[in-house]
Each structure stands twice: as structure tokens, then as C-alpha cells.
Amino acid sequence: MPQEQGPLICPGHSRPVAGIEFSRETEDGVFLISACHDKTAMIRSGETGDWIGTLEGHKGAVWGAALNPPATHAVTCSADFSAKVW
């Protein structure tokens, strides 16, 4: 019988998280990206929750974030009236 896995705990943001998205399965695995009111988005391993990187540069809360299908680019939208492709 397979062992149940608990939730991934992904600390690091300093304000409320507005949303989170998972990538499709890629050659490098699955990734997740979180949008946060701390003006950043974070990319993590979808299997372990390990931190990969932080996207910094917005001057307002990040309301949404997504990865393209191969997880090679990200897009974010912010309360600073901008959207960024990373």
C-alpha cells in the first residue's frame, strides 16, 4: 500500500500568497509558481517544494503568476499596473 504524502510546506513569502500554479510535467520535473502581496513570485520544485528562485521587480503586490507549458518562462501581473514576462 502506498504511503500518503503530507502537504508541501513552502516558507519564504512575507505577505499573503494570492495564488499558486503548477506547471505541466517537463523533462526537468514539475514546478510551481506562487504570486504574493510581498511584490514577488517564487518558483519551486513541484515534487519537493524546494526553492528555485524569486522573481523581484514589481512595485506592488503580485496578484497572479503562471508558467508556460515547458516551464521556461513565467508571467506575473501586479497591483503596480504592469505585467512582466520573465
N, C-alpha and C. Protein backbone atom coordinates (compact mmCIF):
# COMPACT_ATOMS: atom_id res chain seq x y z
N MET A 1 0.84 -1.18 0.00
CA MET A 1 0.00 0.00 0.00
C MET A 1 0.89 1.24 0.00
N PRO A 2 0.66 2.22 -0.94
CA PRO A 2 1.50 3.42 -0.99
C PRO A 2 1.33 4.27 0.26
N GLN A 3 2.44 4.88 0.67
CA GLN A 3 2.42 5.75 1.85
C GLN A 3 1.89 7.12 1.45
N GLU A 4 1.00 7.67 2.27
CA GLU A 4 0.47 9.00 1.99
C GLU A 4 1.55 10.06 2.19
N GLN A 5 1.55 11.03 1.29
CA GLN A 5 2.49 12.14 1.40
C GLN A 5 1.75 13.32 2.01
N GLY A 6 2.38 14.00 2.94
CA GLY A 6 1.79 15.19 3.55
C GLY A 6 1.89 16.37 2.61
N PRO A 7 1.36 17.50 3.02
CA PRO A 7 1.42 18.70 2.17
C PRO A 7 2.84 19.23 2.06
N LEU A 8 3.13 19.89 0.93
CA LEU A 8 4.40 20.59 0.79
C LEU A 8 4.31 21.89 1.58
N ILE A 9 5.29 22.16 2.39
CA ILE A 9 5.36 23.41 3.14
C ILE A 9 6.44 24.26 2.47
N CYS A 10 6.04 25.44 2.00
CA CYS A 10 6.95 26.29 1.23
C CYS A 10 7.06 27.67 1.87
N PRO A 11 7.88 27.81 2.89
CA PRO A 11 8.03 29.12 3.52
C PRO A 11 8.83 30.06 2.63
N GLY A 12 8.76 31.34 2.93
CA GLY A 12 9.60 32.29 2.21
C GLY A 12 8.93 33.61 1.93
N HIS A 13 7.64 33.61 1.64
CA HIS A 13 6.95 34.87 1.39
C HIS A 13 6.71 35.58 2.73
N SER A 14 6.67 36.92 2.66
CA SER A 14 6.47 37.70 3.88
C SER A 14 5.09 38.33 3.97
N ARG A 15 4.24 38.12 2.99
CA ARG A 15 2.87 38.64 2.97
C ARG A 15 1.95 37.54 2.46
N PRO A 16 0.64 37.76 2.42
CA PRO A 16 -0.29 36.73 1.94
C PRO A 16 0.00 36.30 0.49
N VAL A 17 -0.17 35.02 0.25
CA VAL A 17 0.00 34.46 -1.10
C VAL A 17 -1.33 34.60 -1.83
N ALA A 18 -1.29 35.23 -3.00
CA ALA A 18 -2.50 35.49 -3.78
C ALA A 18 -2.90 34.31 -4.66
N GLY A 19 -1.92 33.50 -5.05
CA GLY A 19 -2.24 32.37 -5.91
C GLY A 19 -1.03 31.50 -6.15
N ILE A 20 -1.30 30.30 -6.63
CA ILE A 20 -0.22 29.35 -6.93
C ILE A 20 -0.65 28.51 -8.12
N GLU A 21 0.29 28.22 -9.00
CA GLU A 21 0.04 27.43 -10.21
C GLU A 21 1.12 26.36 -10.35
N PHE A 22 0.73 25.20 -10.84
CA PHE A 22 1.67 24.13 -11.16
C PHE A 22 1.92 24.10 -12.65
N SER A 23 3.15 23.75 -13.05
CA SER A 23 3.45 23.54 -14.46
C SER A 23 2.99 22.15 -14.88
N ARG A 24 3.01 21.91 -16.15
CA ARG A 24 2.84 20.56 -16.66
C ARG A 24 4.13 19.79 -16.36
N GLU A 25 4.10 18.49 -16.50
CA GLU A 25 5.31 17.67 -16.36
C GLU A 25 6.28 18.06 -17.47
N THR A 26 7.54 18.36 -17.11
CA THR A 26 8.57 18.69 -18.08
C THR A 26 9.71 17.68 -17.95
N GLU A 27 10.70 17.80 -18.82
CA GLU A 27 11.88 16.93 -18.72
C GLU A 27 12.58 17.10 -17.37
N ASP A 28 12.45 18.29 -16.80
CA ASP A 28 13.10 18.60 -15.52
C ASP A 28 12.18 18.43 -14.32
N GLY A 29 10.99 17.93 -14.52
CA GLY A 29 10.05 17.73 -13.43
C GLY A 29 8.88 18.68 -13.49
N VAL A 30 8.22 18.83 -12.36
CA VAL A 30 7.06 19.74 -12.23
C VAL A 30 7.51 20.92 -11.38
N PHE A 31 7.02 22.10 -11.72
CA PHE A 31 7.37 23.31 -10.99
C PHE A 31 6.11 23.99 -10.50
N LEU A 32 6.24 24.79 -9.47
CA LEU A 32 5.13 25.63 -9.06
C LEU A 32 5.62 27.06 -8.93
N ILE A 33 4.69 27.97 -9.15
CA ILE A 33 4.99 29.40 -9.04
C ILE A 33 3.92 30.02 -8.17
N SER A 34 4.35 30.84 -7.22
CA SER A 34 3.42 31.50 -6.30
C SER A 34 3.49 33.00 -6.51
N ALA A 35 2.31 33.64 -6.47
CA ALA A 35 2.19 35.10 -6.54
C ALA A 35 1.90 35.60 -5.14
N CYS A 36 2.54 36.71 -4.75
CA CYS A 36 2.41 37.16 -3.37
C CYS A 36 2.28 38.66 -3.24
N HIS A 37 1.63 39.09 -2.17
CA HIS A 37 1.49 40.51 -1.86
C HIS A 37 2.81 41.14 -1.44
N ASP A 38 3.87 40.35 -1.27
CA ASP A 38 5.19 40.92 -0.92
C ASP A 38 5.94 41.42 -2.15
N LYS A 39 5.25 41.53 -3.29
CA LYS A 39 5.78 42.08 -4.56
C LYS A 39 6.68 41.09 -5.29
N THR A 40 6.63 39.81 -4.93
CA THR A 40 7.47 38.81 -5.58
C THR A 40 6.64 37.61 -6.03
N ALA A 41 7.25 36.83 -6.90
CA ALA A 41 6.76 35.49 -7.24
C ALA A 41 7.92 34.55 -6.96
N MET A 42 7.62 33.33 -6.52
CA MET A 42 8.66 32.35 -6.24
C MET A 42 8.41 31.10 -7.06
N ILE A 43 9.50 30.53 -7.57
CA ILE A 43 9.44 29.27 -8.30
C ILE A 43 10.04 28.20 -7.42
N ARG A 44 9.36 27.05 -7.38
CA ARG A 44 9.79 25.92 -6.54
C ARG A 44 9.62 24.61 -7.28
N SER A 45 10.30 23.60 -6.78
CA SER A 45 10.10 22.24 -7.28
C SER A 45 8.70 21.79 -6.88
N GLY A 46 7.95 21.25 -7.84
CA GLY A 46 6.62 20.75 -7.54
C GLY A 46 6.63 19.43 -6.79
N GLU A 47 7.76 18.73 -6.81
CA GLU A 47 7.86 17.46 -6.09
C GLU A 47 8.25 17.64 -4.63
N THR A 48 9.18 18.57 -4.37
CA THR A 48 9.73 18.71 -3.02
C THR A 48 9.38 20.03 -2.35
N GLY A 49 9.00 21.04 -3.13
CA GLY A 49 8.76 22.37 -2.59
C GLY A 49 10.02 23.19 -2.43
N ASP A 50 11.17 22.62 -2.82
CA ASP A 50 12.45 23.34 -2.68
C ASP A 50 12.45 24.61 -3.53
N TRP A 51 13.00 25.67 -2.97
CA TRP A 51 13.09 26.98 -3.61
C TRP A 51 14.04 26.90 -4.79
N ILE A 52 13.63 27.47 -5.93
CA ILE A 52 14.48 27.56 -7.11
C ILE A 52 14.87 29.01 -7.37
N GLY A 53 13.93 29.92 -7.24
CA GLY A 53 14.25 31.32 -7.48
C GLY A 53 13.11 32.24 -7.12
N THR A 54 13.45 33.53 -6.98
CA THR A 54 12.47 34.57 -6.67
C THR A 54 12.50 35.60 -7.79
N LEU A 55 11.32 35.96 -8.29
CA LEU A 55 11.19 36.99 -9.32
C LEU A 55 10.86 38.30 -8.62
N GLU A 56 11.82 39.22 -8.66
CA GLU A 56 11.68 40.51 -7.99
C GLU A 56 11.68 41.62 -9.03
N GLY A 57 10.92 42.67 -8.80
CA GLY A 57 10.93 43.80 -9.72
C GLY A 57 9.62 44.56 -9.77
N HIS A 58 8.53 43.99 -9.27
CA HIS A 58 7.27 44.71 -9.23
C HIS A 58 7.29 45.70 -8.06
N LYS A 59 6.53 46.77 -8.21
CA LYS A 59 6.43 47.78 -7.16
C LYS A 59 5.12 47.69 -6.38
N GLY A 60 4.33 46.66 -6.67
CA GLY A 60 3.08 46.42 -5.97
C GLY A 60 2.88 44.93 -5.79
N ALA A 61 1.83 44.56 -5.08
CA ALA A 61 1.52 43.15 -4.84
C ALA A 61 1.42 42.40 -6.17
N VAL A 62 1.93 41.19 -6.20
CA VAL A 62 1.79 40.33 -7.37
C VAL A 62 0.49 39.54 -7.18
N TRP A 63 -0.46 39.76 -8.08
CA TRP A 63 -1.78 39.15 -7.97
C TRP A 63 -1.87 37.81 -8.69
N GLY A 64 -1.03 37.61 -9.70
CA GLY A 64 -1.10 36.36 -10.45
C GLY A 64 0.25 36.02 -11.05
N ALA A 65 0.47 34.72 -11.25
CA ALA A 65 1.71 34.24 -11.87
C ALA A 65 1.42 32.91 -12.53
N ALA A 66 2.08 32.67 -13.66
CA ALA A 66 1.89 31.41 -14.38
C ALA A 66 3.18 31.07 -15.12
N LEU A 67 3.34 29.79 -15.43
CA LEU A 67 4.47 29.29 -16.21
C LEU A 67 3.96 28.84 -17.57
N ASN A 68 4.80 29.00 -18.62
CA ASN A 68 4.43 28.47 -19.92
C ASN A 68 4.54 26.95 -19.90
N PRO A 69 3.99 26.23 -20.89
CA PRO A 69 3.97 24.76 -20.82
C PRO A 69 5.32 24.08 -20.56
N PRO A 70 6.44 24.50 -21.19
CA PRO A 70 7.70 23.84 -20.85
C PRO A 70 8.36 24.40 -19.58
N ALA A 71 7.72 25.36 -18.91
CA ALA A 71 8.24 25.98 -17.68
C ALA A 71 9.58 26.67 -17.90
N THR A 72 9.72 27.29 -19.07
CA THR A 72 10.94 28.04 -19.36
C THR A 72 10.76 29.55 -19.21
N HIS A 73 9.52 30.00 -19.12
CA HIS A 73 9.21 31.40 -18.92
C HIS A 73 8.06 31.51 -17.92
N ALA A 74 8.04 32.65 -17.24
CA ALA A 74 6.96 32.95 -16.31
C ALA A 74 6.35 34.28 -16.70
N VAL A 75 5.11 34.50 -16.28
CA VAL A 75 4.44 35.78 -16.44
C VAL A 75 3.83 36.15 -15.10
N THR A 76 3.90 37.43 -14.74
CA THR A 76 3.31 37.91 -13.50
C THR A 76 2.49 39.16 -13.79
N CYS A 77 1.47 39.39 -12.97
CA CYS A 77 0.70 40.63 -13.06
C CYS A 77 0.62 41.22 -11.66
N SER A 78 0.64 42.55 -11.60
CA SER A 78 0.82 43.21 -10.32
C SER A 78 -0.11 44.40 -10.13
N ALA A 79 -0.26 44.77 -8.85
CA ALA A 79 -1.01 45.96 -8.49
C ALA A 79 -0.29 47.24 -8.91
N ASP A 80 0.93 47.12 -9.42
CA ASP A 80 1.65 48.30 -9.94
C ASP A 80 1.25 48.61 -11.39
N PHE A 81 0.15 47.98 -11.86
CA PHE A 81 -0.40 48.17 -13.20
C PHE A 81 0.51 47.64 -14.30
N SER A 82 1.28 46.60 -14.00
CA SER A 82 2.15 46.03 -15.01
C SER A 82 2.05 44.52 -15.04
N ALA A 83 2.43 43.98 -16.18
CA ALA A 83 2.61 42.53 -16.33
C ALA A 83 4.03 42.34 -16.83
N LYS A 84 4.68 41.29 -16.37
CA LYS A 84 6.07 41.04 -16.77
C LYS A 84 6.19 39.61 -17.27
N VAL A 85 6.98 39.46 -18.33
CA VAL A 85 7.36 38.14 -18.81
C VAL A 85 8.81 37.94 -18.40
N TRP A 86 9.09 36.84 -17.74
CA TRP A 86 10.42 36.57 -17.18
C TRP A 86 11.08 35.43 -17.96
